[in-house]
N, C-alpha and C. Protein backbone atom coordinates (compact mmCIF):
# COMPACT_ATOMS: atom_id res chain seq x y z
N MET A 1 108.90 244.13 195.57
CA MET A 1 108.49 245.48 194.92
C MET A 1 107.07 245.15 194.16
N ASN A 2 106.17 245.94 194.21
CA ASN A 2 104.96 245.69 193.54
C ASN A 2 105.07 246.39 192.06
N LEU A 3 104.03 246.12 191.26
CA LEU A 3 103.93 246.52 189.72
C LEU A 3 103.91 247.82 189.70
N ARG A 4 103.29 248.87 190.73
CA ARG A 4 103.32 250.19 190.56
C ARG A 4 104.78 250.70 190.63
N LYS A 5 105.40 250.23 191.61
CA LYS A 5 106.81 250.67 191.90
C LYS A 5 107.76 250.39 190.61
N LEU A 6 107.48 249.12 190.18
CA LEU A 6 108.22 248.82 188.83
C LEU A 6 108.11 249.82 187.78
N ALA A 7 106.73 249.85 187.66
CA ALA A 7 106.38 250.75 186.44
C ALA A 7 106.62 252.37 186.62
N THR A 8 106.82 252.75 187.89
CA THR A 8 107.50 254.00 188.19
C THR A 8 108.86 254.10 187.94
N LEU A 9 109.73 253.13 188.24
CA LEU A 9 111.14 252.98 187.94
C LEU A 9 111.26 253.08 186.26
N ALA A 10 110.48 252.31 185.75
CA ALA A 10 110.46 252.13 184.34
C ALA A 10 110.19 253.41 183.60
N GLY A 11 109.05 254.04 184.14
CA GLY A 11 108.69 255.54 183.40
C GLY A 11 109.87 256.28 183.73
N VAL A 12 110.62 256.26 184.73
CA VAL A 12 111.74 257.20 185.11
C VAL A 12 112.84 257.04 183.96
N ALA A 13 112.99 255.82 183.52
CA ALA A 13 114.23 255.57 182.79
C ALA A 13 113.57 255.95 181.05
N LEU A 14 112.35 255.43 181.13
CA LEU A 14 112.06 255.78 179.58
C LEU A 14 111.47 257.22 179.31
N PHE A 15 110.87 257.86 180.27
CA PHE A 15 110.68 259.37 180.10
C PHE A 15 112.13 260.17 179.95
N ALA A 16 113.07 259.64 180.74
CA ALA A 16 114.26 260.33 180.51
C ALA A 16 114.88 260.20 179.33
N SER A 17 115.19 259.16 178.77
CA SER A 17 115.64 258.84 177.67
C SER A 17 115.04 259.18 176.48
N CYS A 18 113.79 259.15 176.39
CA CYS A 18 112.77 259.53 175.35
C CYS A 18 112.85 261.07 175.32
N GLY A 19 112.87 261.76 176.39
CA GLY A 19 112.99 263.12 176.59
C GLY A 19 114.26 263.85 175.90
N ASP A 20 115.43 263.26 176.33
CA ASP A 20 116.58 263.55 175.93
C ASP A 20 116.83 263.21 174.44
N VAL A 21 116.16 262.14 173.91
CA VAL A 21 116.33 262.04 172.27
C VAL A 21 115.45 263.16 171.62
N ALA A 22 114.27 263.31 172.28
CA ALA A 22 113.34 264.44 171.69
C ALA A 22 113.98 265.72 171.26
N LEU A 23 114.84 266.18 172.61
CA LEU A 23 115.45 267.32 172.59
C LEU A 23 116.65 267.46 171.49
N ALA A 24 117.40 266.16 171.53
CA ALA A 24 118.21 266.18 170.70
C ALA A 24 117.94 266.47 169.17
N ARG A 25 116.79 265.49 168.94
CA ARG A 25 116.32 265.73 167.38
C ARG A 25 115.73 267.32 167.16
N GLY A 26 115.27 267.88 168.15
CA GLY A 26 114.58 269.31 167.99
C GLY A 26 115.96 270.16 167.88
N MET A 27 117.04 270.10 168.56
CA MET A 27 118.23 270.91 168.42
C MET A 27 119.00 270.55 167.28
N LYS A 28 119.08 269.42 166.66
CA LYS A 28 119.87 269.26 165.33
C LYS A 28 119.06 269.82 164.46
N ALA A 29 117.78 269.92 164.22
CA ALA A 29 116.87 270.52 163.32
C ALA A 29 117.01 272.04 163.48
N PHE A 30 117.26 272.56 164.63
CA PHE A 30 117.43 274.07 164.83
C PHE A 30 118.93 274.49 164.72
N GLY A 31 119.77 273.72 165.01
CA GLY A 31 121.18 274.28 164.42
C GLY A 31 121.84 274.60 165.61
N ALA A 32 123.38 274.95 165.60
CA ALA A 32 123.96 275.41 166.56
C ALA A 32 123.72 276.66 167.42
N ILE A 33 123.89 276.76 168.65
CA ILE A 33 123.55 278.00 169.48
C ILE A 33 124.93 278.21 170.04
N SER A 34 125.31 279.65 169.74
CA SER A 34 126.45 280.12 170.47
C SER A 34 126.32 281.19 171.62
N LEU A 35 127.28 281.07 172.43
CA LEU A 35 127.14 282.15 173.53
C LEU A 35 126.83 283.40 173.06
N ALA A 36 127.28 283.85 171.85
CA ALA A 36 127.34 285.04 171.32
C ALA A 36 125.80 285.64 170.87
N HIS A 37 125.08 284.51 170.45
CA HIS A 37 123.59 284.52 170.33
C HIS A 37 122.85 283.83 171.21
N TRP A 38 123.17 283.94 172.47
CA TRP A 38 122.35 282.92 173.47
C TRP A 38 120.88 283.18 173.35
N THR A 39 120.54 284.25 172.92
CA THR A 39 118.93 284.52 172.86
C THR A 39 118.15 283.72 172.00
N SER A 40 118.79 283.20 170.88
CA SER A 40 118.23 282.45 169.89
C SER A 40 117.74 280.90 170.47
N ILE A 41 118.00 280.74 171.74
CA ILE A 41 117.58 279.52 172.43
C ILE A 41 115.92 279.54 172.37
N PHE A 42 115.59 280.95 172.86
CA PHE A 42 114.05 280.86 172.72
C PHE A 42 113.38 280.86 171.54
N SER A 43 114.03 280.79 170.53
CA SER A 43 113.42 280.30 169.14
C SER A 43 113.43 278.82 169.10
N ALA A 44 114.30 278.12 169.77
CA ALA A 44 114.19 276.69 169.73
C ALA A 44 113.16 276.13 170.61
N LEU A 45 112.65 276.93 171.51
CA LEU A 45 111.89 276.57 172.39
C LEU A 45 110.48 276.28 171.80
N LEU A 46 110.20 276.92 170.58
CA LEU A 46 109.11 276.87 169.72
C LEU A 46 108.98 275.72 169.02
N SER A 47 110.19 274.74 168.70
CA SER A 47 110.32 273.63 168.10
C SER A 47 109.19 272.51 168.60
N PRO A 48 108.49 271.68 167.95
CA PRO A 48 107.69 270.72 168.49
C PRO A 48 108.29 269.64 168.94
N TRP A 49 109.73 269.43 168.57
CA TRP A 49 110.49 268.36 169.26
C TRP A 49 111.01 268.76 170.61
N VAL A 50 111.27 269.92 170.68
CA VAL A 50 111.93 270.60 172.12
C VAL A 50 110.76 270.46 172.82
N ILE A 51 109.72 270.89 172.44
CA ILE A 51 108.50 271.12 173.48
C ILE A 51 108.11 269.61 174.03
N LEU A 52 108.26 268.65 173.25
CA LEU A 52 107.88 267.13 173.52
C LEU A 52 109.07 266.85 174.44
N GLY A 53 110.17 267.01 174.05
CA GLY A 53 111.29 266.64 175.05
C GLY A 53 111.12 267.29 176.40
N ILE A 54 110.57 268.65 176.51
CA ILE A 54 110.58 269.15 177.76
C ILE A 54 109.35 268.65 178.56
N CYS A 55 108.29 268.21 177.78
CA CYS A 55 107.27 267.61 178.57
C CYS A 55 107.57 266.12 179.00
N LEU A 56 108.48 265.43 178.20
CA LEU A 56 108.78 264.02 178.70
C LEU A 56 109.76 264.19 179.91
N LEU A 57 110.62 265.12 179.90
CA LEU A 57 111.45 265.49 181.17
C LEU A 57 110.86 265.83 182.31
N LEU A 58 109.45 266.43 182.02
CA LEU A 58 108.73 266.68 183.26
C LEU A 58 108.25 265.60 183.70
N ALA A 59 107.57 264.77 182.95
CA ALA A 59 107.18 263.57 183.34
C ALA A 59 108.22 262.63 183.91
N PHE A 60 109.55 262.69 183.41
CA PHE A 60 110.77 262.10 184.28
C PHE A 60 110.93 262.49 185.68
N PHE A 61 110.60 263.90 185.79
CA PHE A 61 110.90 264.59 186.93
C PHE A 61 109.87 263.90 188.07
N VAL A 62 108.58 263.95 187.69
CA VAL A 62 107.53 263.64 188.47
C VAL A 62 107.76 262.27 188.89
N SER A 63 108.09 261.42 187.78
CA SER A 63 108.39 259.89 188.29
C SER A 63 109.33 259.70 188.97
N TYR A 64 110.61 260.42 188.85
CA TYR A 64 111.68 260.48 189.72
C TYR A 64 111.18 260.59 191.12
N LEU A 65 110.56 261.85 191.36
CA LEU A 65 110.22 262.10 192.90
C LEU A 65 109.28 261.07 193.22
N SER A 66 108.55 260.45 192.58
CA SER A 66 107.70 259.47 193.13
C SER A 66 108.56 258.21 193.45
N ALA A 67 109.38 257.74 192.62
CA ALA A 67 110.40 256.71 193.11
C ALA A 67 111.14 257.15 194.36
N LEU A 68 111.59 258.34 194.55
CA LEU A 68 112.48 258.58 195.62
C LEU A 68 111.54 258.56 197.08
N SER A 69 110.27 258.61 196.69
CA SER A 69 109.38 258.39 198.01
C SER A 69 109.15 257.02 198.38
N PHE A 70 109.51 255.94 197.65
CA PHE A 70 109.33 254.80 198.24
C PHE A 70 110.86 254.01 198.22
N ALA A 71 111.82 254.61 197.68
CA ALA A 71 113.20 253.80 197.68
C ALA A 71 114.31 254.75 197.84
N ASP A 72 115.45 254.18 198.10
CA ASP A 72 116.81 254.94 198.49
C ASP A 72 117.12 255.49 197.04
N LEU A 73 117.78 256.59 197.14
CA LEU A 73 118.64 257.34 196.21
C LEU A 73 119.60 256.38 195.50
N THR A 74 120.25 255.55 196.32
CA THR A 74 121.31 254.57 195.84
C THR A 74 120.61 253.53 195.01
N TYR A 75 119.50 253.27 195.22
CA TYR A 75 118.81 252.13 194.33
C TYR A 75 118.03 252.77 193.09
N VAL A 76 117.52 254.12 193.34
CA VAL A 76 116.59 254.66 192.28
C VAL A 76 117.54 255.15 191.01
N LEU A 77 118.69 255.91 191.46
CA LEU A 77 119.55 256.20 190.35
C LEU A 77 120.10 255.20 189.61
N PRO A 78 120.64 253.96 189.98
CA PRO A 78 121.26 253.19 189.36
C PRO A 78 120.38 252.48 188.58
N ALA A 79 119.10 252.18 189.18
CA ALA A 79 117.94 251.32 188.42
C ALA A 79 117.64 252.29 187.19
N THR A 80 117.47 253.63 187.28
CA THR A 80 117.11 254.31 186.16
C THR A 80 118.17 254.45 185.32
N SER A 81 119.41 254.22 185.50
CA SER A 81 120.48 254.40 184.60
C SER A 81 120.38 253.30 183.43
N LEU A 82 119.41 252.25 183.44
CA LEU A 82 118.76 251.52 182.25
C LEU A 82 118.47 252.25 181.23
N GLY A 83 117.97 253.37 181.40
CA GLY A 83 117.59 254.37 180.33
C GLY A 83 118.73 254.67 179.51
N TYR A 84 119.99 254.50 179.81
CA TYR A 84 121.12 254.82 178.97
C TYR A 84 121.07 253.68 177.80
N ILE A 85 120.59 252.52 178.13
CA ILE A 85 120.58 251.56 177.02
C ILE A 85 119.48 251.87 175.98
N VAL A 86 118.29 252.34 176.70
CA VAL A 86 117.29 252.74 175.73
C VAL A 86 117.63 253.90 174.88
N MET A 87 118.19 254.96 175.63
CA MET A 87 118.72 256.28 174.96
C MET A 87 119.81 255.83 173.67
N ALA A 88 120.63 254.96 174.03
CA ALA A 88 121.52 254.48 172.97
C ALA A 88 120.88 253.87 171.87
N LEU A 89 119.85 253.09 171.96
CA LEU A 89 119.14 252.28 171.09
C LEU A 89 118.31 253.36 170.15
N LEU A 90 117.53 254.32 170.90
CA LEU A 90 116.88 255.28 170.21
C LEU A 90 117.79 256.28 169.39
N ALA A 91 118.98 256.51 170.00
CA ALA A 91 119.87 257.42 169.16
C ALA A 91 120.41 256.77 168.04
N LYS A 92 120.71 255.38 167.99
CA LYS A 92 121.32 254.40 167.02
C LYS A 92 120.06 254.44 165.83
N PHE A 93 118.89 254.06 166.27
CA PHE A 93 117.86 253.75 165.34
C PHE A 93 116.81 254.91 164.77
N PHE A 94 116.82 255.83 165.76
CA PHE A 94 115.93 257.19 165.51
C PHE A 94 116.82 258.26 165.03
N LEU A 95 117.79 258.52 165.61
CA LEU A 95 118.67 259.72 165.22
C LEU A 95 119.72 259.34 164.30
N HIS A 96 119.91 257.87 163.97
CA HIS A 96 120.80 257.41 163.27
C HIS A 96 122.36 257.73 163.67
N GLU A 97 122.51 257.70 164.85
CA GLU A 97 123.97 258.11 165.31
C GLU A 97 124.77 256.95 165.26
N ASN A 98 126.10 257.05 164.93
CA ASN A 98 127.08 255.98 165.09
C ASN A 98 127.52 255.62 166.37
N ILE A 99 127.43 254.61 166.94
CA ILE A 99 127.85 254.41 168.27
C ILE A 99 128.90 253.50 168.16
N SER A 100 129.88 253.87 168.77
CA SER A 100 131.19 253.17 168.51
C SER A 100 130.98 251.72 169.47
N ILE A 101 132.16 250.77 169.37
CA ILE A 101 132.20 249.52 170.01
C ILE A 101 132.44 250.13 171.68
N LEU A 102 133.28 251.10 171.76
CA LEU A 102 133.85 251.28 173.07
C LEU A 102 132.58 252.03 173.97
N ARG A 103 131.85 252.75 173.23
CA ARG A 103 130.64 253.21 173.79
C ARG A 103 129.44 252.00 174.17
N TRP A 104 129.18 251.08 173.17
CA TRP A 104 128.56 250.00 173.59
C TRP A 104 129.18 249.14 174.84
N THR A 105 130.33 249.08 174.84
CA THR A 105 131.09 248.43 175.88
C THR A 105 130.98 249.28 177.34
N GLY A 106 130.87 250.57 177.21
CA GLY A 106 130.55 251.27 178.54
C GLY A 106 129.07 251.11 178.76
N ILE A 107 128.10 251.08 177.84
CA ILE A 107 126.64 250.69 178.11
C ILE A 107 126.55 249.46 178.63
N LEU A 108 127.28 248.59 178.25
CA LEU A 108 127.27 247.11 178.73
C LEU A 108 127.55 246.90 180.28
N LEU A 109 128.62 247.82 180.61
CA LEU A 109 129.12 247.93 182.04
C LEU A 109 128.19 248.47 182.81
N ILE A 110 127.63 249.44 182.21
CA ILE A 110 126.37 250.06 183.19
C ILE A 110 125.32 249.21 183.35
N ALA A 111 125.03 248.45 182.32
CA ALA A 111 123.81 247.58 182.80
C ALA A 111 124.17 246.44 183.78
N LEU A 112 125.45 245.99 183.40
CA LEU A 112 125.84 244.87 184.63
C LEU A 112 125.96 245.41 185.95
N GLY A 113 126.51 246.76 186.05
CA GLY A 113 126.61 247.31 187.54
C GLY A 113 124.93 247.56 187.77
N VAL A 114 124.17 248.06 187.15
CA VAL A 114 122.84 247.97 187.49
C VAL A 114 122.12 246.66 187.98
N GLY A 115 122.64 245.59 187.21
CA GLY A 115 122.13 244.33 187.76
C GLY A 115 122.76 244.13 189.35
N PHE A 116 123.93 244.34 189.85
CA PHE A 116 124.28 244.22 191.02
C PHE A 116 123.84 245.17 192.04
N VAL A 117 123.15 246.27 191.60
CA VAL A 117 122.60 247.10 192.57
C VAL A 117 121.22 246.76 192.72
N ALA A 118 120.66 246.21 191.50
CA ALA A 118 119.25 245.85 191.72
C ALA A 118 118.89 244.65 192.83
N ARG A 119 119.92 243.93 192.84
CA ARG A 119 119.99 242.69 193.78
C ARG A 119 119.74 243.05 195.33
N GLY A 120 119.98 244.10 195.61
CA GLY A 120 119.93 244.79 197.24
C GLY A 120 118.61 245.26 197.39
N PRO A 121 118.33 245.35 198.60
CA PRO A 121 116.94 245.98 199.04
C PRO A 121 116.78 247.34 198.41
N ALA A 122 115.60 248.02 198.12
CA ALA A 122 115.12 249.12 197.51
C ALA A 122 115.15 250.18 198.55
N LEU A 123 115.09 249.70 199.77
CA LEU A 123 114.81 250.68 200.84
C LEU A 123 115.58 250.26 201.99
N THR A 124 116.32 251.18 202.51
CA THR A 124 117.16 250.96 203.88
C THR A 124 116.10 251.33 205.03
N LEU A 125 115.78 250.40 205.82
CA LEU A 125 114.95 250.80 206.99
C LEU A 125 115.91 250.91 208.37
N ASP A 126 115.82 251.92 208.96
CA ASP A 126 116.54 251.87 210.14
C ASP A 126 115.41 251.82 211.48
N HIS A 127 115.65 251.94 212.41
CA HIS A 127 114.68 251.53 213.61
C HIS A 127 113.51 252.53 213.46
N GLU A 128 113.86 253.85 213.60
CA GLU A 128 112.85 254.80 213.66
C GLU A 128 112.06 254.86 212.43
N ARG A 129 112.75 254.48 211.17
CA ARG A 129 111.75 254.58 209.86
C ARG A 129 110.92 253.22 209.80
N SER A 130 111.35 252.09 210.12
CA SER A 130 110.58 251.15 210.21
C SER A 130 109.36 251.13 211.25
N ALA A 131 109.40 251.88 212.53
CA ALA A 131 108.49 251.79 213.29
C ALA A 131 107.42 253.06 212.78
N ASP A 132 107.91 253.93 211.88
CA ASP A 132 106.76 254.87 211.08
C ASP A 132 106.13 254.13 210.26
N LEU A 133 106.80 253.15 209.54
CA LEU A 133 106.09 252.48 208.25
C LEU A 133 105.00 251.41 209.13
N ALA A 134 105.41 251.03 210.23
CA ALA A 134 104.60 250.01 211.00
C ALA A 134 103.31 250.59 211.74
N GLY A 135 103.39 252.14 211.48
CA GLY A 135 102.12 252.89 212.07
C GLY A 135 102.41 253.44 213.47
N ASN A 136 103.60 253.34 213.96
CA ASN A 136 103.62 254.06 215.26
C ASN A 136 104.01 255.41 214.85
N VAL A 137 103.67 256.35 215.81
CA VAL A 137 103.73 257.78 215.57
C VAL A 137 104.60 258.20 216.61
N HIS A 138 105.57 258.85 216.25
CA HIS A 138 106.73 259.57 217.07
C HIS A 138 106.43 260.83 217.30
N HIS A 139 106.58 261.20 218.55
CA HIS A 139 106.27 262.83 218.85
C HIS A 139 107.45 263.34 219.64
N ALA A 140 107.56 264.45 219.43
CA ALA A 140 108.64 265.17 220.18
C ALA A 140 108.07 265.22 221.64
N PRO A 141 109.07 265.10 222.64
CA PRO A 141 108.82 265.34 223.92
C PRO A 141 108.31 266.60 224.28
N ALA A 142 107.46 266.79 225.09
CA ALA A 142 106.68 267.88 225.61
C ALA A 142 107.72 268.84 226.37
N ARG A 143 107.54 269.96 226.29
CA ARG A 143 108.47 270.95 227.08
C ARG A 143 108.72 270.49 228.54
N GLY A 144 109.93 270.18 229.18
CA GLY A 144 110.17 269.85 230.46
C GLY A 144 110.22 268.27 230.17
N GLU A 145 109.82 267.36 229.32
CA GLU A 145 110.03 266.03 229.12
C GLU A 145 111.48 265.79 228.76
N SER A 146 112.07 264.44 229.21
CA SER A 146 113.41 264.25 228.59
C SER A 146 112.92 262.89 227.99
């Protein structure tokens, strides 16, 4: 895997975790929203932290789509879950959240699972897909051909 692809995967994890933390920061400053007053969510959209969170999550989505274009979902999703570690660290030191030992244990288990998944191939190639990547063009048979 080349540097551009690794940077894309890192971007997915970083944009997602930073976007979630920015949204949490903005909504904590805004306060609780109830179903009875759900329209107040539109006021929250004016918060700079919420706007930043939305922009970061849009960057996440673009990076995620890019990653899915060159790797299998079963590789991309676990690889991007490294963002859970980043998110926990940001929540601890930026949002000053208390993270229990049970949660840290869960985060450690996620990191270990990512290590297992990352050892396999990023892309599963079947016969047709490997021919496409080699530059061979497949075409549908013309009418009457078998």
